[in-house]
Amino acid sequence: MRLAIVVTGALSASFIPYWANWLSLTRSDVIPHYLISSAAEKFVSAGAVRAISNARVDIDDWNVHDDALHVELGDWMDAMLAYPCSFDYFAKTATGIVDRPSLLAKACSNVPLVLAPGLPPGAVEGPVYRRHLEALRKRDDITVVPPTPARSTSSRRSAYSAAPLGDCLVALNESHVA
């Protein structure tokens, strides 16, 4: 499976090198292409992910691409995973905003998308998240993997982290990805 993995600006993006290594060691059937958002670069570098994964890594930002990365992705990928999926990316997916290559690639394709939200304190209980979750659940091409309870590193309040990557791959398989 050719899998576009979008790494967004949630703090758990700092664990992507671990998950990239895990993926390369356990799933030879998955060919990843990592797209790292500008916000995620605060937590992880493209160079680290490239070195550990030996996969293609691009920055998910129009300002660094002169080519049609969204078209290339749409033609290449069998599935897409936003891991971790920030609240910003979650909301943009739910409302159809396509302000970065990965969002436009998904909007112009029929491939399944799995979102693994990593959310700040209060988000899951709030009306904005619930409204977007409801909208996304109506789409048959998108699966939201429930986030894992965690503790906010900045406030020590209850928060939510992205589910383990293995759970997200199970969700992709359940969405009938070959």
Protein backbone atom coordinates (compact mmCIF):
# COMPACT_ATOMS: atom_id res chain seq x y z
CA MET A 1 0.00 0.00 0.00
CA ARG A 2 1.30 3.45 -0.94
CA LEU A 3 0.50 5.54 2.13
CA ALA A 4 0.75 9.32 2.38
CA ILE A 5 1.40 10.10 6.06
CA VAL A 6 0.65 13.71 6.96
CA VAL A 7 2.45 14.81 10.11
CA THR A 8 0.74 17.86 11.58
CA GLY A 9 1.58 20.29 14.37
CA ALA A 10 0.38 18.29 17.36
CA LEU A 11 3.06 17.67 19.98
CA SER A 12 2.98 13.92 19.36
CA ALA A 13 4.61 14.66 15.99
CA SER A 14 7.82 14.39 18.02
CA PHE A 15 7.24 10.61 18.10
CA ILE A 16 7.17 10.24 14.31
CA PRO A 17 10.78 9.02 14.07
CA TYR A 18 9.84 6.17 16.43
CA TRP A 19 6.74 5.30 14.38
CA ALA A 20 8.62 5.63 11.08
CA ASN A 21 11.18 3.13 12.35
CA TRP A 22 8.43 0.82 13.63
CA LEU A 23 6.65 1.01 10.28
CA SER A 24 9.79 0.19 8.29
CA LEU A 25 10.55 -2.80 10.55
CA THR A 26 7.05 -4.29 10.78
CA ARG A 27 5.15 -3.42 7.60
CA SER A 28 7.10 -4.11 4.42
CA ASP A 29 3.77 -3.90 2.56
CA VAL A 30 3.52 -0.15 3.31
CA ILE A 31 5.41 2.36 1.18
CA PRO A 32 5.21 5.65 3.06
CA HIS A 33 5.52 9.20 1.76
CA TYR A 34 5.72 11.61 4.69
CA LEU A 35 4.33 15.14 4.45
CA ILE A 36 5.40 17.29 7.37
CA SER A 37 3.46 20.47 8.07
CA SER A 38 5.28 23.68 8.84
CA ALA A 39 3.80 23.56 12.35
CA ALA A 40 5.09 20.00 12.86
CA GLU A 41 8.63 21.18 12.09
CA LYS A 42 8.64 22.63 15.63
CA PHE A 43 8.61 19.05 16.92
CA VAL A 44 10.32 16.93 14.23
CA SER A 45 12.64 17.51 11.30
CA ALA A 46 12.17 16.24 7.77
CA GLY A 47 15.80 15.13 7.79
CA ALA A 48 15.29 12.91 10.84
CA VAL A 49 12.22 11.26 9.34
CA ARG A 50 13.98 10.77 5.99
CA ALA A 51 17.05 9.21 7.62
CA ILE A 52 15.06 6.84 9.82
CA SER A 53 12.42 5.84 7.29
CA ASN A 54 14.45 5.90 4.08
CA ALA A 55 11.23 7.20 2.53
CA ARG A 56 10.27 10.31 0.62
CA VAL A 57 9.62 13.29 2.88
CA ASP A 58 8.15 16.63 1.77
CA ILE A 59 7.05 19.73 3.60
CA ASP A 60 3.26 20.09 3.37
CA ASP A 61 3.30 23.76 2.45
CA TRP A 62 2.66 25.54 -0.84
CA ASN A 63 5.50 27.99 -0.13
CA VAL A 64 8.17 25.31 -0.58
CA HIS A 65 6.81 23.65 -3.73
CA ASP A 66 6.98 24.89 -7.29
CA ASP A 67 5.45 21.67 -8.59
CA ALA A 68 1.99 20.16 -8.37
CA LEU A 69 2.64 17.96 -5.34
CA HIS A 70 -1.11 17.53 -4.78
CA VAL A 71 -1.54 16.00 -8.25
CA GLU A 72 1.49 13.75 -7.80
CA LEU A 73 0.15 12.56 -4.43
CA GLY A 74 -3.34 12.00 -5.80
CA ASP A 75 -1.96 9.83 -8.59
CA TRP A 76 0.44 7.93 -6.30
CA MET A 77 -1.31 7.21 -3.02
CA ASP A 78 -3.61 4.32 -2.16
CA ALA A 79 -4.51 5.85 1.20
CA MET A 80 -3.76 8.79 3.46
CA LEU A 81 -3.18 9.04 7.20
CA ALA A 82 -2.99 12.26 9.23
CA TYR A 83 -0.78 11.27 12.15
CA PRO A 84 -0.94 13.00 14.49
CA CYS A 85 -3.89 15.05 13.30
CA SER A 86 -3.89 18.49 14.90
CA PHE A 87 -7.15 20.25 15.72
CA ASP A 88 -6.39 22.66 12.85
CA TYR A 89 -6.00 19.86 10.27
CA PHE A 90 -9.07 18.08 11.68
CA ALA A 91 -11.21 21.21 11.26
CA LYS A 92 -9.88 21.95 7.77
CA THR A 93 -10.63 18.40 6.67
CA ALA A 94 -14.16 18.62 8.06
CA THR A 95 -14.90 21.95 6.37
CA GLY A 96 -13.17 21.33 3.05
CA ILE A 97 -10.39 23.90 3.37
CA VAL A 98 -7.56 22.95 1.01
CA ASP A 99 -4.76 25.32 1.95
CA ARG A 100 -1.90 22.80 1.76
CA PRO A 101 -0.90 20.12 -0.75
CA SER A 102 -2.11 17.15 1.32
CA LEU A 103 -5.58 18.62 1.84
CA LEU A 104 -6.00 19.36 -1.86
CA ALA A 105 -4.67 15.91 -2.81
CA LYS A 106 -7.32 14.29 -0.59
CA ALA A 107 -10.06 16.61 -1.83
CA CYS A 108 -9.28 15.60 -5.42
CA SER A 109 -9.12 11.84 -4.83
CA ASN A 110 -11.28 9.02 -3.55
CA VAL A 111 -8.65 7.32 -1.40
CA PRO A 112 -9.49 6.52 2.21
CA LEU A 113 -8.23 8.92 4.87
CA VAL A 114 -7.65 8.04 8.50
CA LEU A 115 -7.39 10.86 11.01
CA ALA A 116 -5.64 10.23 14.34
CA PRO A 117 -6.37 13.34 16.41
CA GLY A 118 -3.90 14.60 18.98
CA LEU A 119 -5.82 17.29 20.85
CA PRO A 120 -5.27 19.90 23.54
CA PRO A 121 -7.16 20.02 26.86
CA GLY A 122 -10.87 20.67 26.45
CA ALA A 123 -11.03 20.01 22.71
CA VAL A 124 -12.79 16.63 22.77
CA GLU A 125 -15.49 17.95 25.09
CA GLY A 126 -16.01 21.16 23.13
CA PRO A 127 -18.75 21.88 20.59
CA VAL A 128 -16.36 22.66 17.71
CA TYR A 129 -14.66 19.26 17.84
CA ARG A 130 -17.99 17.45 18.21
CA ARG A 131 -19.48 19.33 15.24
CA HIS A 132 -16.49 18.50 13.03
CA LEU A 133 -16.46 14.89 14.21
CA GLU A 134 -20.12 14.55 13.29
CA ALA A 135 -19.46 15.97 9.81
CA LEU A 136 -16.52 13.62 9.25
CA ARG A 137 -18.46 10.55 10.39
CA LYS A 138 -20.95 11.19 7.57
CA ARG A 139 -18.19 10.67 5.00
CA ASP A 140 -17.57 7.11 3.86
CA ASP A 141 -14.00 7.89 2.78
CA ILE A 142 -12.81 9.17 6.18
CA THR A 143 -12.27 7.29 9.43
CA VAL A 144 -11.49 9.00 12.72
CA VAL A 145 -9.53 6.80 15.12
CA PRO A 146 -10.49 7.85 18.66
CA PRO A 147 -7.67 9.64 20.44
CA THR A 148 -5.99 8.15 23.49
CA PRO A 149 -6.43 9.86 26.86
CA ALA A 150 -3.23 11.63 27.88
CA ARG A 151 -2.00 14.49 30.01
CA SER A 152 -1.20 17.91 28.59
CA THR A 153 2.51 18.63 28.87
CA SER A 154 1.89 22.35 29.32
CA SER A 155 -0.95 22.34 31.85
CA ARG A 156 -1.06 18.77 33.22
CA ARG A 157 -4.79 18.78 32.44
CA SER A 158 -6.46 15.89 30.64
CA ALA A 159 -5.82 15.92 26.92
CA TYR A 160 -5.77 13.40 24.08
CA SER A 161 -2.93 11.96 22.06
CA ALA A 162 -3.03 10.22 18.69
CA ALA A 163 -3.84 6.53 18.90
CA PRO A 164 -0.95 4.13 18.26
CA LEU A 165 0.03 3.93 14.59
CA GLY A 166 -0.82 0.22 14.50
CA ASP A 167 -4.44 1.03 15.39
CA CYS A 168 -4.55 3.50 12.50
CA LEU A 169 -3.31 0.88 10.05
CA VAL A 170 -6.01 -1.51 11.28
CA ALA A 171 -8.57 1.25 10.59
CA LEU A 172 -7.17 1.63 7.07
CA ASN A 173 -7.45 -2.11 6.47
CA GLU A 174 -11.03 -2.03 7.74
CA SER A 175 -11.79 0.73 5.22
CA HIS A 176 -11.01 -1.85 2.50
CA VAL A 177 -7.57 -0.66 1.44
CA ALA A 178 -5.75 -3.33 -0.52
